[in-house]
Amino acid sequence: LPRIRYKVNDDSLWRNASWTQYWDKPIWVLPIHCSVPVGHWVLCTI
């Protein structure tokens, strides 16, 4: 998410995410760090 937010180039994003083979998976699991108000983790499944 920070890579996407700060507009990293597509090659770098692909190099870091392609190993997951996300395009073949029906479910994505995404941990998200919420810095406000106390800094904690949430989990989103898509």
All heavy atoms as atom14 arrays in JSON, in Angstrom:
{
  "sequence": "LPRIRYKVNDDSLWRNASWTQYWDKPIWVLPIHCSVPVGHWVLCTI",
  "atom14_mask": [
    [1, 1, 1, 1, 1, 1, 1, 1, 0, 0, 0, 0, 0, 0],
    [1, 1, 1, 1, 1, 1, 1, 0, 0, 0, 0, 0, 0, 0],
    [1, 1, 1, 1, 1, 1, 1, 1, 1, 1, 1, 0, 0, 0],
    [1, 1, 1, 1, 1, 1, 1, 1, 0, 0, 0, 0, 0, 0],
    [1, 1, 1, 1, 1, 1, 1, 1, 1, 1, 1, 0, 0, 0],
    [1, 1, 1, 1, 1, 1, 1, 1, 1, 1, 1, 1, 0, 0],
    [1, 1, 1, 1, 1, 1, 1, 1, 1, 0, 0, 0, 0, 0],
    [1, 1, 1, 1, 1, 1, 1, 0, 0, 0, 0, 0, 0, 0],
    [1, 1, 1, 1, 1, 1, 1, 1, 0, 0, 0, 0, 0, 0],
    [1, 1, 1, 1, 1, 1, 1, 1, 0, 0, 0, 0, 0, 0],
    [1, 1, 1, 1, 1, 1, 1, 1, 0, 0, 0, 0, 0, 0],
    [1, 1, 1, 1, 1, 1, 0, 0, 0, 0, 0, 0, 0, 0],
    [1, 1, 1, 1, 1, 1, 1, 1, 0, 0, 0, 0, 0, 0],
    [1, 1, 1, 1, 1, 1, 1, 1, 1, 1, 1, 1, 1, 1],
    [1, 1, 1, 1, 1, 1, 1, 1, 1, 1, 1, 0, 0, 0],
    [1, 1, 1, 1, 1, 1, 1, 1, 0, 0, 0, 0, 0, 0],
    [1, 1, 1, 1, 1, 0, 0, 0, 0, 0, 0, 0, 0, 0],
    [1, 1, 1, 1, 1, 1, 0, 0, 0, 0, 0, 0, 0, 0],
    [1, 1, 1, 1, 1, 1, 1, 1, 1, 1, 1, 1, 1, 1],
    [1, 1, 1, 1, 1, 1, 1, 0, 0, 0, 0, 0, 0, 0],
    [1, 1, 1, 1, 1, 1, 1, 1, 1, 0, 0, 0, 0, 0],
    [1, 1, 1, 1, 1, 1, 1, 1, 1, 1, 1, 1, 0, 0],
    [1, 1, 1, 1, 1, 1, 1, 1, 1, 1, 1, 1, 1, 1],
    [1, 1, 1, 1, 1, 1, 1, 1, 0, 0, 0, 0, 0, 0],
    [1, 1, 1, 1, 1, 1, 1, 1, 1, 0, 0, 0, 0, 0],
    [1, 1, 1, 1, 1, 1, 1, 0, 0, 0, 0, 0, 0, 0],
    [1, 1, 1, 1, 1, 1, 1, 1, 0, 0, 0, 0, 0, 0],
    [1, 1, 1, 1, 1, 1, 1, 1, 1, 1, 1, 1, 1, 1],
    [1, 1, 1, 1, 1, 1, 1, 0, 0, 0, 0, 0, 0, 0],
    [1, 1, 1, 1, 1, 1, 1, 1, 0, 0, 0, 0, 0, 0],
    [1, 1, 1, 1, 1, 1, 1, 0, 0, 0, 0, 0, 0, 0],
    [1, 1, 1, 1, 1, 1, 1, 1, 0, 0, 0, 0, 0, 0],
    [1, 1, 1, 1, 1, 1, 1, 1, 1, 1, 0, 0, 0, 0],
    [1, 1, 1, 1, 1, 1, 0, 0, 0, 0, 0, 0, 0, 0],
    [1, 1, 1, 1, 1, 1, 0, 0, 0, 0, 0, 0, 0, 0],
    [1, 1, 1, 1, 1, 1, 1, 0, 0, 0, 0, 0, 0, 0],
    [1, 1, 1, 1, 1, 1, 1, 0, 0, 0, 0, 0, 0, 0],
    [1, 1, 1, 1, 1, 1, 1, 0, 0, 0, 0, 0, 0, 0],
    [1, 1, 1, 1, 0, 0, 0, 0, 0, 0, 0, 0, 0, 0],
    [1, 1, 1, 1, 1, 1, 1, 1, 1, 1, 0, 0, 0, 0],
    [1, 1, 1, 1, 1, 1, 1, 1, 1, 1, 1, 1, 1, 1],
    [1, 1, 1, 1, 1, 1, 1, 0, 0, 0, 0, 0, 0, 0],
    [1, 1, 1, 1, 1, 1, 1, 1, 0, 0, 0, 0, 0, 0],
    [1, 1, 1, 1, 1, 1, 0, 0, 0, 0, 0, 0, 0, 0],
    [1, 1, 1, 1, 1, 1, 1, 0, 0, 0, 0, 0, 0, 0],
    [1, 1, 1, 1, 1, 1, 1, 1, 0, 0, 0, 0, 0, 0]
  ],
  "atom14_positions": [
    [[0.81, -1.22, 0.0], [0.0, 0.0, 0.0], [0.85, 1.28, 0.0], [0.58, 2.19, -0.77], [-0.98, 0.0, 1.18], [-2.15, -0.97, 1.05], [-3.04, -0.9, 2.29], [-2.96, -0.72, -0.2], [0.0, 0.0, 0.0], [0.0, 0.0, 0.0], [0.0, 0.0, 0.0], [0.0, 0.0, 0.0], [0.0, 0.0, 0.0], [0.0, 0.0, 0.0]],
    [[1.9, 1.36, 0.83], [2.74, 2.57, 0.75], [3.42, 2.72, -0.61], [3.58, 3.82, -1.11], [3.77, 2.38, 1.87], [3.11, 1.46, 2.83], [2.25, 0.55, 2.0], [0.0, 0.0, 0.0], [0.0, 0.0, 0.0], [0.0, 0.0, 0.0], [0.0, 0.0, 0.0], [0.0, 0.0, 0.0], [0.0, 0.0, 0.0], [0.0, 0.0, 0.0]],
    [[3.81, 1.61, -1.22], [4.41, 1.69, -2.56], [3.43, 2.32, -3.54], [3.79, 3.17, -4.35], [4.81, 0.3, -3.06], [6.03, -0.26, -2.39], [6.41, -1.61, -3.01], [7.55, -2.16, -2.34], [7.54, -3.27, -1.62], [6.44, -3.98, -1.51], [8.62, -3.69, -1.03], [0.0, 0.0, 0.0], [0.0, 0.0, 0.0], [0.0, 0.0, 0.0]],
    [[2.18, 1.88, -3.47], [1.15, 2.42, -4.37], [0.87, 3.87, -4.04], [0.78, 4.72, -4.92], [-0.12, 1.55, -4.3], [0.17, 0.16, -4.87], [-1.28, 2.22, -5.03], [-0.9, -0.87, -4.55], [0.0, 0.0, 0.0], [0.0, 0.0, 0.0], [0.0, 0.0, 0.0], [0.0, 0.0, 0.0], [0.0, 0.0, 0.0], [0.0, 0.0, 0.0]],
    [[0.74, 4.16, -2.75], [0.41, 5.53, -2.32], [1.46, 6.53, -2.79], [1.15, 7.64, -3.18], [0.29, 5.58, -0.81], [-0.07, 6.95, -0.29], [-0.25, 6.95, 1.18], [-0.69, 8.27, 1.62], [-0.93, 8.58, 2.84], [-0.83, 7.67, 3.79], [-1.31, 9.79, 3.16], [0.0, 0.0, 0.0], [0.0, 0.0, 0.0], [0.0, 0.0, 0.0]],
    [[2.72, 6.14, -2.71], [3.8, 7.06, -3.08], [4.25, 6.88, -4.52], [5.33, 7.31, -4.91], [4.95, 6.95, -2.09], [4.52, 7.4, -0.72], [4.36, 6.51, 0.32], [4.21, 8.74, -0.49], [3.93, 6.94, 1.57], [3.77, 9.17, 0.75], [3.63, 8.27, 1.77], [3.19, 8.69, 3.0], [0.0, 0.0, 0.0], [0.0, 0.0, 0.0]],
    [[3.4, 6.24, -5.32], [3.55, 6.15, -6.77], [4.89, 5.57, -7.22], [5.56, 6.1, -8.1], [3.31, 7.52, -7.41], [1.93, 8.07, -7.12], [1.7, 9.38, -7.81], [0.41, 10.05, -7.53], [-0.7, 9.41, -6.96], [0.0, 0.0, 0.0], [0.0, 0.0, 0.0], [0.0, 0.0, 0.0], [0.0, 0.0, 0.0], [0.0, 0.0, 0.0]],
    [[5.26, 4.42, -6.6], [6.45, 3.74, -7.05], [6.23, 3.3, -8.5], [5.09, 3.09, -8.92], [6.77, 2.53, -6.13], [5.77, 1.42, -6.3], [8.17, 2.02, -6.35], [0.0, 0.0, 0.0], [0.0, 0.0, 0.0], [0.0, 0.0, 0.0], [0.0, 0.0, 0.0], [0.0, 0.0, 0.0], [0.0, 0.0, 0.0], [0.0, 0.0, 0.0]],
    [[7.29, 3.16, -9.25], [7.12, 2.79, -10.66], [6.58, 1.36, -10.79], [6.74, 0.54, -9.89], [8.41, 3.0, -11.46], [9.51, 2.05, -11.06], [9.31, 0.84, -11.02], [10.68, 2.59, -10.76], [0.0, 0.0, 0.0], [0.0, 0.0, 0.0], [0.0, 0.0, 0.0], [0.0, 0.0, 0.0], [0.0, 0.0, 0.0], [0.0, 0.0, 0.0]],
    [[5.94, 1.11, -11.91], [5.27, -0.18, -12.13], [6.24, -1.37, -12.05], [5.89, -2.43, -11.54], [4.55, -0.19, -13.47], [3.33, 0.69, -13.48], [2.86, 1.1, -12.39], [2.82, 0.98, -14.58], [0.0, 0.0, 0.0], [0.0, 0.0, 0.0], [0.0, 0.0, 0.0], [0.0, 0.0, 0.0], [0.0, 0.0, 0.0], [0.0, 0.0, 0.0]],
    [[7.45, -1.19, -12.55], [8.43, -2.29, -12.52], [8.76, -2.7, -11.09], [8.84, -3.89, -10.78], [9.71, -1.91, -13.26], [9.52, -1.81, -14.76], [8.55, -2.42, -15.28], [10.32, -1.12, -15.42], [0.0, 0.0, 0.0], [0.0, 0.0, 0.0], [0.0, 0.0, 0.0], [0.0, 0.0, 0.0], [0.0, 0.0, 0.0], [0.0, 0.0, 0.0]],
    [[8.94, -1.72, -10.23], [9.25, -2.01, -8.83], [8.05, -2.66, -8.13], [8.21, -3.63, -7.39], [9.63, -0.72, -8.11], [9.9, -0.98, -6.76], [0.0, 0.0, 0.0], [0.0, 0.0, 0.0], [0.0, 0.0, 0.0], [0.0, 0.0, 0.0], [0.0, 0.0, 0.0], [0.0, 0.0, 0.0], [0.0, 0.0, 0.0], [0.0, 0.0, 0.0]],
    [[6.87, -2.15, -8.38], [5.67, -2.74, -7.79], [5.5, -4.19, -8.26], [5.22, -5.09, -7.47], [4.44, -1.9, -8.14], [3.16, -2.27, -7.43], [3.31, -2.17, -5.93], [2.03, -1.38, -7.91], [0.0, 0.0, 0.0], [0.0, 0.0, 0.0], [0.0, 0.0, 0.0], [0.0, 0.0, 0.0], [0.0, 0.0, 0.0], [0.0, 0.0, 0.0]],
    [[5.69, -4.42, -9.55], [5.56, -5.76, -10.1], [6.6, -6.71, -9.5], [6.29, -7.84, -9.12], [5.69, -5.72, -11.62], [5.62, -7.08, -12.24], [6.65, -7.76, -12.83], [4.48, -7.93, -12.33], [6.2, -8.98, -13.27], [4.87, -9.12, -12.98], [3.15, -7.8, -11.92], [4.0, -10.16, -13.23], [2.28, -8.85, -12.18], [2.71, -10.01, -12.82]],
    [[7.84, -6.26, -9.37], [8.92, -7.08, -8.82], [8.6, -7.51, -7.38], [8.89, -8.62, -6.97], [10.23, -6.3, -8.87], [11.45, -7.08, -8.47], [12.76, -6.32, -8.7], [12.77, -4.95, -8.24], [12.66, -3.87, -9.04], [12.55, -4.02, -10.34], [12.69, -2.65, -8.56], [0.0, 0.0, 0.0], [0.0, 0.0, 0.0], [0.0, 0.0, 0.0]],
    [[7.94, -6.62, -6.63], [7.63, -6.91, -5.24], [6.33, -7.67, -5.02], [6.14, -8.26, -3.97], [7.61, -5.61, -4.43], [9.0, -5.07, -4.23], [9.8, -5.66, -3.55], [9.29, -3.94, -4.85], [0.0, 0.0, 0.0], [0.0, 0.0, 0.0], [0.0, 0.0, 0.0], [0.0, 0.0, 0.0], [0.0, 0.0, 0.0], [0.0, 0.0, 0.0]],
    [[5.43, -7.68, -6.0], [4.13, -8.33, -5.81], [3.89, -9.54, -6.7], [3.03, -10.36, -6.41], [3.02, -7.32, -6.01], [0.0, 0.0, 0.0], [0.0, 0.0, 0.0], [0.0, 0.0, 0.0], [0.0, 0.0, 0.0], [0.0, 0.0, 0.0], [0.0, 0.0, 0.0], [0.0, 0.0, 0.0], [0.0, 0.0, 0.0], [0.0, 0.0, 0.0]],
    [[4.65, -9.68, -7.78], [4.35, -10.74, -8.76], [4.5, -12.14, -8.19], [3.79, -13.06, -8.61], [5.22, -10.58, -10.01], [6.58, -10.74, -9.68], [0.0, 0.0, 0.0], [0.0, 0.0, 0.0], [0.0, 0.0, 0.0], [0.0, 0.0, 0.0], [0.0, 0.0, 0.0], [0.0, 0.0, 0.0], [0.0, 0.0, 0.0], [0.0, 0.0, 0.0]],
    [[5.39, -12.34, -7.23], [5.6, -13.68, -6.67], [4.34, -14.22, -5.99], [4.19, -15.42, -5.83], [6.79, -13.67, -5.71], [6.58, -12.79, -4.51], [6.94, -11.47, -4.4], [5.96, -13.14, -3.28], [6.56, -10.98, -3.17], [5.95, -12.0, -2.47], [5.39, -14.3, -2.79], [5.42, -11.97, -1.19], [4.85, -14.28, -1.51], [4.88, -13.13, -0.73]],
    [[3.39, -13.34, -5.61], [2.16, -13.79, -4.95], [1.2, -14.46, -5.92], [0.29, -15.16, -5.49], [1.41, -12.62, -4.29], [0.93, -11.73, -5.31], [2.29, -11.88, -3.3], [0.0, 0.0, 0.0], [0.0, 0.0, 0.0], [0.0, 0.0, 0.0], [0.0, 0.0, 0.0], [0.0, 0.0, 0.0], [0.0, 0.0, 0.0], [0.0, 0.0, 0.0]],
    [[1.37, -14.2, -7.21], [0.45, -14.67, -8.26], [-0.99, -14.3, -7.92], [-1.91, -15.08, -8.08], [0.62, -16.17, -8.49], [1.99, -16.53, -9.0], [2.15, -18.01, -9.28], [1.46, -18.85, -8.73], [3.1, -18.33, -10.14], [0.0, 0.0, 0.0], [0.0, 0.0, 0.0], [0.0, 0.0, 0.0], [0.0, 0.0, 0.0], [0.0, 0.0, 0.0]],
    [[-1.16, -13.07, -7.45], [-2.47, -12.59, -7.01], [-3.54, -12.7, -8.09], [-4.72, -12.87, -7.8], [-2.37, -11.15, -6.48], [-1.93, -10.16, -7.52], [-2.85, -9.55, -8.36], [-0.58, -9.83, -7.66], [-2.44, -8.65, -9.32], [-0.17, -8.93, -8.61], [-1.1, -8.35, -9.44], [-0.68, -7.45, -10.4], [0.0, 0.0, 0.0], [0.0, 0.0, 0.0]],
    [[-3.16, -12.61, -9.35], [-4.13, -12.65, -10.44], [-4.81, -14.01, -10.56], [-5.87, -14.12, -11.17], [-3.47, -12.25, -11.76], [-2.3, -13.13, -12.1], [-2.35, -14.29, -12.83], [-0.95, -12.95, -11.71], [-1.09, -14.85, -12.91], [-0.2, -14.04, -12.24], [-0.26, -11.97, -10.97], [1.16, -14.17, -12.04], [1.1, -12.12, -10.79], [1.8, -13.2, -11.32]],
    [[-4.21, -15.05, -10.0], [-4.79, -16.39, -10.05], [-5.55, -16.76, -8.77], [-6.07, -17.87, -8.67], [-3.68, -17.44, -10.24], [-3.21, -17.53, -11.67], [-3.98, -17.16, -12.57], [-2.06, -17.97, -11.87], [0.0, 0.0, 0.0], [0.0, 0.0, 0.0], [0.0, 0.0, 0.0], [0.0, 0.0, 0.0], [0.0, 0.0, 0.0], [0.0, 0.0, 0.0]],
    [[-5.58, -15.88, -7.8], [-6.15, -16.21, -6.49], [-7.49, -15.51, -6.29], [-7.61, -14.31, -6.51], [-5.19, -15.78, -5.37], [-3.73, -16.2, -5.56], [-3.54, -17.68, -5.36], [-2.13, -18.12, -5.65], [-1.32, -18.38, -4.53], [0.0, 0.0, 0.0], [0.0, 0.0, 0.0], [0.0, 0.0, 0.0], [0.0, 0.0, 0.0], [0.0, 0.0, 0.0]],
    [[-8.5, -16.24, -5.84], [-9.81, -15.62, -5.62], [-9.89, -14.8, -4.33], [-10.8, -13.98, -4.17], [-10.76, -16.82, -5.54], [-9.92, -17.95, -5.07], [-8.54, -17.69, -5.64], [0.0, 0.0, 0.0], [0.0, 0.0, 0.0], [0.0, 0.0, 0.0], [0.0, 0.0, 0.0], [0.0, 0.0, 0.0], [0.0, 0.0, 0.0], [0.0, 0.0, 0.0]],
    [[-8.94, -14.99, -3.43], [-8.96, -14.28, -2.15], [-7.61, -13.61, -1.93], [-6.56, -14.25, -2.06], [-9.26, -15.24, -0.98], [-10.63, -15.89, -1.17], [-9.17, -14.52, 0.36], [-10.92, -17.03, -0.23], [0.0, 0.0, 0.0], [0.0, 0.0, 0.0], [0.0, 0.0, 0.0], [0.0, 0.0, 0.0], [0.0, 0.0, 0.0], [0.0, 0.0, 0.0]],
    [[-7.66, -12.33, -1.59], [-6.44, -11.6, -1.22], [-6.51, -11.27, 0.26], [-7.57, -10.88, 0.77], [-6.32, -10.3, -2.0], [-6.15, -10.44, -3.48], [-6.08, -11.58, -4.23], [-6.06, -9.36, -4.41], [-5.93, -11.29, -5.56], [-5.91, -9.93, -5.71], [-6.07, -7.99, -4.3], [-5.79, -9.16, -6.85], [-5.95, -7.21, -5.43], [-5.81, -7.8, -6.69]],
    [[-5.38, -11.41, 0.94], [-5.28, -11.06, 2.35], [-4.32, -9.88, 2.45], [-3.18, -9.96, 2.01], [-4.77, -12.26, 3.19], [-4.63, -11.88, 4.65], [-5.71, -13.45, 3.02], [0.0, 0.0, 0.0], [0.0, 0.0, 0.0], [0.0, 0.0, 0.0], [0.0, 0.0, 0.0], [0.0, 0.0, 0.0], [0.0, 0.0, 0.0], [0.0, 0.0, 0.0]],
    [[-4.82, -8.79, 3.01], [-4.06, -7.54, 3.04], [-3.99, -6.98, 4.45], [-4.98, -6.46, 4.97], [-4.73, -6.52, 2.11], [-4.12, -5.13, 2.04], [-2.69, -5.18, 1.51], [-4.98, -4.23, 1.15], [0.0, 0.0, 0.0], [0.0, 0.0, 0.0], [0.0, 0.0, 0.0], [0.0, 0.0, 0.0], [0.0, 0.0, 0.0], [0.0, 0.0, 0.0]],
    [[-2.83, -7.08, 5.11], [-2.66, -6.41, 6.4], [-2.45, -4.92, 6.16], [-1.74, -4.52, 5.24], [-1.4, -7.06, 6.99], [-0.8, -7.89, 5.92], [-1.68, -7.86, 4.72], [0.0, 0.0, 0.0], [0.0, 0.0, 0.0], [0.0, 0.0, 0.0], [0.0, 0.0, 0.0], [0.0, 0.0, 0.0], [0.0, 0.0, 0.0], [0.0, 0.0, 0.0]],
    [[-3.08, -4.1, 6.99], [-3.01, -2.64, 6.83], [-2.61, -2.02, 8.16], [-3.23, -2.31, 9.19], [-4.36, -2.06, 6.38], [-4.83, -2.73, 5.08], [-4.28, -0.55, 6.22], [-6.29, -2.43, 4.73], [0.0, 0.0, 0.0], [0.0, 0.0, 0.0], [0.0, 0.0, 0.0], [0.0, 0.0, 0.0], [0.0, 0.0, 0.0], [0.0, 0.0, 0.0]],
    [[-1.61, -1.16, 8.14], [-1.23, -0.44, 9.36], [-2.0, 0.87, 9.42], [-1.92, 1.69, 8.5], [0.28, -0.16, 9.39], [0.71, 0.43, 10.68], [1.0, 1.76, 10.82], [0.85, -0.14, 11.9], [1.33, 1.99, 12.08], [1.25, 0.86, 12.75], [0.0, 0.0, 0.0], [0.0, 0.0, 0.0], [0.0, 0.0, 0.0], [0.0, 0.0, 0.0]],
    [[-2.74, 1.05, 10.49], [-3.49, 2.3, 10.71], [-2.71, 3.11, 11.73], [-2.63, 2.73, 12.9], [-4.89, 2.0, 11.24], [-5.9, 1.08, 10.1], [0.0, 0.0, 0.0], [0.0, 0.0, 0.0], [0.0, 0.0, 0.0], [0.0, 0.0, 0.0], [0.0, 0.0, 0.0], [0.0, 0.0, 0.0], [0.0, 0.0, 0.0], [0.0, 0.0, 0.0]],
    [[-2.14, 4.2, 11.31], [-1.3, 4.99, 12.21], [-2.1, 5.89, 13.14], [-1.6, 6.33, 14.17], [-0.29, 5.81, 11.41], [-0.97, 6.63, 10.49], [0.0, 0.0, 0.0], [0.0, 0.0, 0.0], [0.0, 0.0, 0.0], [0.0, 0.0, 0.0], [0.0, 0.0, 0.0], [0.0, 0.0, 0.0], [0.0, 0.0, 0.0], [0.0, 0.0, 0.0]],
    [[-3.35, 6.16, 12.78], [-4.17, 7.06, 13.59], [-5.29, 6.25, 14.22], [-5.89, 5.41, 13.55], [-4.76, 8.17, 12.69], [-5.67, 9.09, 13.48], [-3.66, 8.97, 12.03], [0.0, 0.0, 0.0], [0.0, 0.0, 0.0], [0.0, 0.0, 0.0], [0.0, 0.0, 0.0], [0.0, 0.0, 0.0], [0.0, 0.0, 0.0], [0.0, 0.0, 0.0]],
    [[-5.67, 6.38, 15.42], [-5.14, 7.28, 16.43], [-3.98, 6.69, 17.23], [-3.19, 7.41, 17.8], [-6.34, 7.55, 17.33], [-7.1, 6.26, 17.31], [-6.88, 5.71, 15.92], [0.0, 0.0, 0.0], [0.0, 0.0, 0.0], [0.0, 0.0, 0.0], [0.0, 0.0, 0.0], [0.0, 0.0, 0.0], [0.0, 0.0, 0.0], [0.0, 0.0, 0.0]],
    [[-3.87, 5.34, 17.3], [-2.86, 4.76, 18.18], [-1.83, 3.9, 17.48], [-0.9, 3.44, 18.1], [-3.52, 3.9, 19.29], [-4.32, 4.77, 20.23], [-4.38, 2.81, 18.7], [0.0, 0.0, 0.0], [0.0, 0.0, 0.0], [0.0, 0.0, 0.0], [0.0, 0.0, 0.0], [0.0, 0.0, 0.0], [0.0, 0.0, 0.0], [0.0, 0.0, 0.0]],
    [[-1.96, 3.65, 16.22], [-1.04, 2.79, 15.51], [-1.34, 1.33, 15.8], [-0.91, 0.8, 16.81], [0.0, 0.0, 0.0], [0.0, 0.0, 0.0], [0.0, 0.0, 0.0], [0.0, 0.0, 0.0], [0.0, 0.0, 0.0], [0.0, 0.0, 0.0], [0.0, 0.0, 0.0], [0.0, 0.0, 0.0], [0.0, 0.0, 0.0], [0.0, 0.0, 0.0]],
    [[-2.12, 0.71, 14.95], [-2.45, -0.7, 15.11], [-2.69, -1.32, 13.74], [-2.76, -0.62, 12.74], [-3.67, -0.88, 16.04], [-4.97, -0.49, 15.42], [-5.33, 0.82, 15.19], [-6.01, -1.24, 14.96], [-6.52, 0.86, 14.63], [-6.96, -0.37, 14.47], [0.0, 0.0, 0.0], [0.0, 0.0, 0.0], [0.0, 0.0, 0.0], [0.0, 0.0, 0.0]],
    [[-2.81, -2.64, 13.72], [-2.98, -3.37, 12.47], [-4.42, -3.81, 12.32], [-5.07, -4.2, 13.28], [-2.07, -4.6, 12.46], [-0.63, -4.25, 12.4], [0.22, -4.09, 13.46], [0.12, -3.97, 11.23], [1.47, -3.74, 13.0], [1.43, -3.66, 11.63], [-0.17, -3.95, 9.87], [2.44, -3.34, 10.74], [0.83, -3.64, 8.98], [2.12, -3.34, 9.42]],
    [[-4.9, -3.74, 11.09], [-6.19, -4.32, 10.73], [-5.93, -5.31, 9.61], [-4.9, -5.27, 8.95], [-7.23, -3.25, 10.31], [-7.47, -2.27, 11.43], [-6.81, -2.53, 9.04], [0.0, 0.0, 0.0], [0.0, 0.0, 0.0], [0.0, 0.0, 0.0], [0.0, 0.0, 0.0], [0.0, 0.0, 0.0], [0.0, 0.0, 0.0], [0.0, 0.0, 0.0]],
    [[-6.88, -6.2, 9.4], [-6.73, -7.2, 8.35], [-7.93, -7.14, 7.44], [-9.06, -7.18, 7.89], [-6.62, -8.6, 8.96], [-6.42, -9.73, 7.96], [-5.04, -9.62, 7.31], [-6.59, -11.07, 8.62], [0.0, 0.0, 0.0], [0.0, 0.0, 0.0], [0.0, 0.0, 0.0], [0.0, 0.0, 0.0], [0.0, 0.0, 0.0], [0.0, 0.0, 0.0]],
    [[-7.66, -7.01, 6.16], [-8.72, -6.99, 5.16], [-8.55, -8.2, 4.25], [-7.45, -8.46, 3.75], [-8.64, -5.71, 4.34], [-9.96, -5.57, 3.11], [0.0, 0.0, 0.0], [0.0, 0.0, 0.0], [0.0, 0.0, 0.0], [0.0, 0.0, 0.0], [0.0, 0.0, 0.0], [0.0, 0.0, 0.0], [0.0, 0.0, 0.0], [0.0, 0.0, 0.0]],
    [[-9.63, -8.94, 4.07], [-9.62, -10.0, 3.07], [-10.58, -9.59, 1.97], [-11.67, -9.08, 2.24], [-10.01, -11.39, 3.63], [-11.31, -11.32, 4.17], [-9.02, -11.85, 4.68], [0.0, 0.0, 0.0], [0.0, 0.0, 0.0], [0.0, 0.0, 0.0], [0.0, 0.0, 0.0], [0.0, 0.0, 0.0], [0.0, 0.0, 0.0], [0.0, 0.0, 0.0]],
    [[-10.13, -9.76, 0.76], [-10.9, -9.39, -0.41], [-11.3, -10.68, -1.11], [-10.44, -11.45, -1.52], [-10.07, -8.49, -1.36], [-9.62, -7.23, -0.64], [-10.86, -8.15, -2.61], [-8.19, -7.21, -0.27], [0.0, 0.0, 0.0], [0.0, 0.0, 0.0], [0.0, 0.0, 0.0], [0.0, 0.0, 0.0], [0.0, 0.0, 0.0], [0.0, 0.0, 0.0]]
  ]
}
